[in-house]
Amino acid sequence: MEVIQLQRRHIEHINSLFQEGYLDDQFTQLQQLQDEVNPDFVVEVVSLFFQDSEKLLTDLGRTLEAQPVDFKRVDACVHQLKGSSSSIGAQRVKNVCIPFRVSCEEKNRDGCLRCLRQVEQEFVFIKNKLETLFRVSNISRLSKASRV
């Protein structure tokens, strides 16, 4: 595949993530922090987000299964997840955290469990989509390097 086609595919993929509401302008700001000195900055930050979020989601599941449910702990985890998803521009994950926190405030276990399933689903979607984006980006970068 030519470099131009790879670049076009990369741009189309990013645009679709914005159009579908997976990403917001914060992701663009994150990309602007990347430079030649640290060309993997976005991948590194997003990878940390993935690792932290997976731990938080596991913790949320365990906490919601415990009796009685520690809603303060659930809310703290959701608050952290909302903040980290917001910081990388994962808009749909962040948006699900809003009703999740409301369910925590209401001590609504069933509502929290529904929101947990939704946030897990949105997390899997964004993780898969960003991993695809990074693979395309890496292929494009490698193709450029081989032509030099």
C-alpha atoms as a PDB file:
ATOM      1  CA  MET A   1       0.000   0.000   0.000  1.00  0.00           C
ATOM      2  CA  GLU A   2       1.374   3.392  -0.869  1.00  0.00           C
ATOM      3  CA  VAL A   3       2.190   5.908   1.819  1.00  0.00           C
ATOM      4  CA  ILE A   4      -0.434   8.336   0.508  1.00  0.00           C
ATOM      5  CA  GLN A   5      -3.142   5.658   0.722  1.00  0.00           C
ATOM      6  CA  LEU A   6      -2.066   4.804   4.265  1.00  0.00           C
ATOM      7  CA  GLN A   7      -2.126   8.455   5.266  1.00  0.00           C
ATOM      8  CA  ARG A   8      -5.573   8.880   3.727  1.00  0.00           C
ATOM      9  CA  ARG A   9      -6.815   5.766   5.550  1.00  0.00           C
ATOM     10  CA  HIS A  10      -5.394   7.124   8.798  1.00  0.00           C
ATOM     11  CA  ILE A  11      -7.142  10.484   8.353  1.00  0.00           C
ATOM     12  CA  GLU A  12     -10.441   8.827   7.372  1.00  0.00           C
ATOM     13  CA  HIS A  13     -10.284   6.595  10.432  1.00  0.00           C
ATOM     14  CA  ILE A  14      -9.667   9.551  12.764  1.00  0.00           C
ATOM     15  CA  ASN A  15     -12.469  11.543  11.138  1.00  0.00           C
ATOM     16  CA  SER A  16     -14.891   8.656  11.568  1.00  0.00           C
ATOM     17  CA  LEU A  17     -14.032   8.426  15.280  1.00  0.00           C
ATOM     18  CA  PHE A  18     -14.931  12.091  15.687  1.00  0.00           C
ATOM     19  CA  GLN A  19     -18.086  11.839  13.568  1.00  0.00           C
ATOM     20  CA  GLU A  20     -19.319   8.793  15.485  1.00  0.00           C
ATOM     21  CA  GLY A  21     -18.727  10.562  18.802  1.00  0.00           C
ATOM     22  CA  TYR A  22     -15.992   8.245  20.047  1.00  0.00           C
ATOM     23  CA  LEU A  23     -13.488  11.096  20.306  1.00  0.00           C
ATOM     24  CA  ASP A  24     -13.690  14.807  21.044  1.00  0.00           C
ATOM     25  CA  ASP A  25     -11.348  17.783  20.735  1.00  0.00           C
ATOM     26  CA  GLN A  26      -9.297  16.668  23.714  1.00  0.00           C
ATOM     27  CA  PHE A  27      -7.841  13.892  21.558  1.00  0.00           C
ATOM     28  CA  THR A  28      -6.750  16.528  19.025  1.00  0.00           C
ATOM     29  CA  GLN A  29      -5.052  18.459  21.813  1.00  0.00           C
ATOM     30  CA  LEU A  30      -3.316  15.281  22.919  1.00  0.00           C
ATOM     31  CA  GLN A  31      -2.058  14.733  19.369  1.00  0.00           C
ATOM     32  CA  GLN A  32      -0.692  18.274  19.299  1.00  0.00           C
ATOM     33  CA  LEU A  33       1.557  17.427  22.257  1.00  0.00           C
ATOM     34  CA  GLN A  34       3.259  14.739  20.193  1.00  0.00           C
ATOM     35  CA  ASP A  35       6.410  15.743  18.335  1.00  0.00           C
ATOM     36  CA  GLU A  36       9.513  14.282  16.716  1.00  0.00           C
ATOM     37  CA  VAL A  37      11.251  13.984  20.086  1.00  0.00           C
ATOM     38  CA  ASN A  38       8.412  11.833  21.433  1.00  0.00           C
ATOM     39  CA  PRO A  39       6.656  10.329  18.376  1.00  0.00           C
ATOM     40  CA  ASP A  40       4.808   7.716  20.455  1.00  0.00           C
ATOM     41  CA  PHE A  41       3.374  10.142  23.013  1.00  0.00           C
ATOM     42  CA  VAL A  42      -0.286   9.550  22.117  1.00  0.00           C
ATOM     43  CA  VAL A  43       0.131   5.767  22.002  1.00  0.00           C
ATOM     44  CA  GLU A  44       1.848   5.803  25.398  1.00  0.00           C
ATOM     45  CA  VAL A  45      -0.799   8.013  27.047  1.00  0.00           C
ATOM     46  CA  VAL A  46      -3.683   6.051  25.558  1.00  0.00           C
ATOM     47  CA  SER A  47      -2.058   2.730  26.517  1.00  0.00           C
ATOM     48  CA  LEU A  48      -1.889   3.919  30.121  1.00  0.00           C
ATOM     49  CA  PHE A  49      -5.551   4.882  29.865  1.00  0.00           C
ATOM     50  CA  PHE A  50      -6.364   1.359  28.655  1.00  0.00           C
ATOM     51  CA  GLN A  51      -4.434  -0.272  31.518  1.00  0.00           C
ATOM     52  CA  ASP A  52      -5.904   1.981  34.210  1.00  0.00           C
ATOM     53  CA  SER A  53      -9.423   1.677  32.831  1.00  0.00           C
ATOM     54  CA  GLU A  54      -9.292  -2.111  32.725  1.00  0.00           C
ATOM     55  CA  LYS A  55      -8.291  -2.127  36.407  1.00  0.00           C
ATOM     56  CA  LEU A  56     -11.054   0.345  37.267  1.00  0.00           C
ATOM     57  CA  LEU A  57     -13.675  -1.673  35.399  1.00  0.00           C
ATOM     58  CA  THR A  58     -12.605  -4.859  37.182  1.00  0.00           C
ATOM     59  CA  ASP A  59     -12.725  -3.037  40.521  1.00  0.00           C
ATOM     60  CA  LEU A  60     -16.154  -1.609  39.718  1.00  0.00           C
ATOM     61  CA  GLY A  61     -17.508  -5.056  38.893  1.00  0.00           C
ATOM     62  CA  ARG A  62     -16.186  -6.525  42.149  1.00  0.00           C
ATOM     63  CA  THR A  63     -17.420  -3.597  44.231  1.00  0.00           C
ATOM     64  CA  LEU A  64     -20.914  -3.782  42.740  1.00  0.00           C
ATOM     65  CA  GLU A  65     -21.082  -7.532  43.433  1.00  0.00           C
ATOM     66  CA  ALA A  66     -20.210  -7.082  47.123  1.00  0.00           C
ATOM     67  CA  GLN A  67     -22.945  -6.828  49.721  1.00  0.00           C
ATOM     68  CA  PRO A  68     -23.497  -4.184  50.858  1.00  0.00           C
ATOM     69  CA  VAL A  69     -22.302  -2.113  47.909  1.00  0.00           C
ATOM     70  CA  ASP A  70     -19.787   0.582  48.811  1.00  0.00           C
ATOM     71  CA  PHE A  71     -21.274   3.335  46.639  1.00  0.00           C
ATOM     72  CA  LYS A  72     -18.601   5.816  47.715  1.00  0.00           C
ATOM     73  CA  ARG A  73     -15.938   3.512  46.291  1.00  0.00           C
ATOM     74  CA  VAL A  74     -17.984   2.951  43.128  1.00  0.00           C
ATOM     75  CA  ASP A  75     -18.394   6.707  42.706  1.00  0.00           C
ATOM     76  CA  ALA A  76     -14.660   7.289  43.245  1.00  0.00           C
ATOM     77  CA  CYS A  77     -13.816   4.739  40.535  1.00  0.00           C
ATOM     78  CA  VAL A  78     -16.368   6.195  38.123  1.00  0.00           C
ATOM     79  CA  HIS A  79     -15.077   9.708  38.842  1.00  0.00           C
ATOM     80  CA  GLN A  80     -11.527   8.552  38.045  1.00  0.00           C
ATOM     81  CA  LEU A  81     -12.691   6.796  34.875  1.00  0.00           C
ATOM     82  CA  LYS A  82     -14.603   9.886  33.778  1.00  0.00           C
ATOM     83  CA  GLY A  83     -11.557  12.084  34.326  1.00  0.00           C
ATOM     84  CA  SER A  84      -9.123   9.823  32.509  1.00  0.00           C
ATOM     85  CA  SER A  85     -11.474   9.242  29.582  1.00  0.00           C
ATOM     86  CA  SER A  86     -12.030  12.984  29.359  1.00  0.00           C
ATOM     87  CA  SER A  87      -8.279  13.644  29.372  1.00  0.00           C
ATOM     88  CA  ILE A  88      -7.695  11.513  26.261  1.00  0.00           C
ATOM     89  CA  GLY A  89     -10.896  12.572  24.506  1.00  0.00           C
ATOM     90  CA  ALA A  90     -12.807   9.282  24.869  1.00  0.00           C
ATOM     91  CA  GLN A  91     -16.136  11.086  24.680  1.00  0.00           C
ATOM     92  CA  ARG A  92     -18.548   8.144  24.703  1.00  0.00           C
ATOM     93  CA  VAL A  93     -16.858   6.542  27.725  1.00  0.00           C
ATOM     94  CA  LYS A  94     -16.954   9.892  29.540  1.00  0.00           C
ATOM     95  CA  ASN A  95     -20.620  10.417  28.636  1.00  0.00           C
ATOM     96  CA  VAL A  96     -21.706   7.073  30.112  1.00  0.00           C
ATOM     97  CA  CYS A  97     -19.954   7.979  33.356  1.00  0.00           C
ATOM     98  CA  ILE A  98     -22.413  10.841  33.933  1.00  0.00           C
ATOM     99  CA  PRO A  99     -25.526   8.679  34.501  1.00  0.00           C
ATOM    100  CA  PHE A 100     -23.283   6.143  36.258  1.00  0.00           C
ATOM    101  CA  ARG A 101     -22.416   8.757  38.887  1.00  0.00           C
ATOM    102  CA  VAL A 102     -26.106   9.670  39.227  1.00  0.00           C
ATOM    103  CA  SER A 103     -26.909   6.008  39.930  1.00  0.00           C
ATOM    104  CA  CYS A 104     -24.148   5.998  42.552  1.00  0.00           C
ATOM    105  CA  GLU A 105     -25.598   9.071  44.246  1.00  0.00           C
ATOM    106  CA  GLU A 106     -29.015   7.390  44.257  1.00  0.00           C
ATOM    107  CA  LYS A 107     -27.433   4.165  45.595  1.00  0.00           C
ATOM    108  CA  ASN A 108     -29.120   2.391  42.698  1.00  0.00           C
ATOM    109  CA  ARG A 109     -27.233  -0.878  42.293  1.00  0.00           C
ATOM    110  CA  ASP A 110     -29.243  -1.998  39.240  1.00  0.00           C
ATOM    111  CA  GLY A 111     -28.658   1.374  37.566  1.00  0.00           C
ATOM    112  CA  CYS A 112     -24.947   1.103  38.353  1.00  0.00           C
ATOM    113  CA  LEU A 113     -24.787  -2.387  36.869  1.00  0.00           C
ATOM    114  CA  ARG A 114     -26.515  -1.184  33.678  1.00  0.00           C
ATOM    115  CA  CYS A 115     -24.088   1.724  33.422  1.00  0.00           C
ATOM    116  CA  LEU A 116     -21.142  -0.591  34.073  1.00  0.00           C
ATOM    117  CA  ARG A 117     -22.198  -2.763  31.121  1.00  0.00           C
ATOM    118  CA  GLN A 118     -22.545   0.348  28.939  1.00  0.00           C
ATOM    119  CA  VAL A 119     -19.185   1.787  29.961  1.00  0.00           C
ATOM    120  CA  GLU A 120     -17.513  -1.597  29.401  1.00  0.00           C
ATOM    121  CA  GLN A 121     -19.035  -1.738  25.927  1.00  0.00           C
ATOM    122  CA  GLU A 122     -17.938   1.812  25.069  1.00  0.00           C
ATOM    123  CA  PHE A 123     -14.468   1.089  26.455  1.00  0.00           C
ATOM    124  CA  VAL A 124     -14.102  -2.009  24.256  1.00  0.00           C
ATOM    125  CA  PHE A 125     -15.277  -0.008  21.230  1.00  0.00           C
ATOM    126  CA  ILE A 126     -12.822   2.849  21.755  1.00  0.00           C
ATOM    127  CA  LYS A 127      -9.986   0.494  22.607  1.00  0.00           C
ATOM    128  CA  ASN A 128     -10.489  -1.509  19.415  1.00  0.00           C
ATOM    129  CA  LYS A 129     -10.864   1.608  17.294  1.00  0.00           C
ATOM    130  CA  LEU A 130      -7.789   3.336  18.721  1.00  0.00           C
ATOM    131  CA  GLU A 131      -5.679   0.185  18.456  1.00  0.00           C
ATOM    132  CA  THR A 132      -6.667   0.001  14.779  1.00  0.00           C
ATOM    133  CA  LEU A 133      -5.775   3.663  14.378  1.00  0.00           C
ATOM    134  CA  PHE A 134      -2.368   3.103  15.968  1.00  0.00           C
ATOM    135  CA  ARG A 135      -1.656   0.087  13.743  1.00  0.00           C
ATOM    136  CA  VAL A 136      -2.500   2.110  10.625  1.00  0.00           C
ATOM    137  CA  SER A 137      -0.419   5.014  11.916  1.00  0.00           C
ATOM    138  CA  ASN A 138       2.530   2.725  12.634  1.00  0.00           C
ATOM    139  CA  ILE A 139       2.333   1.123   9.188  1.00  0.00           C
ATOM    140  CA  SER A 140       2.245   4.575   7.620  1.00  0.00           C
ATOM    141  CA  ARG A 141       5.252   5.707   9.658  1.00  0.00           C
ATOM    142  CA  LEU A 142       7.211   2.559   8.765  1.00  0.00           C
ATOM    143  CA  SER A 143       6.373   3.003   5.081  1.00  0.00           C
ATOM    144  CA  LYS A 144       7.635   6.592   5.162  1.00  0.00           C
ATOM    145  CA  ALA A 145      10.865   5.512   6.867  1.00  0.00           C
ATOM    146  CA  SER A 146      11.534   2.788   4.295  1.00  0.00           C
ATOM    147  CA  ARG A 147      11.199   5.279   1.436  1.00  0.00           C
ATOM    148  CA  VAL A 148      13.793   7.645   2.902  1.00  0.00           C
END
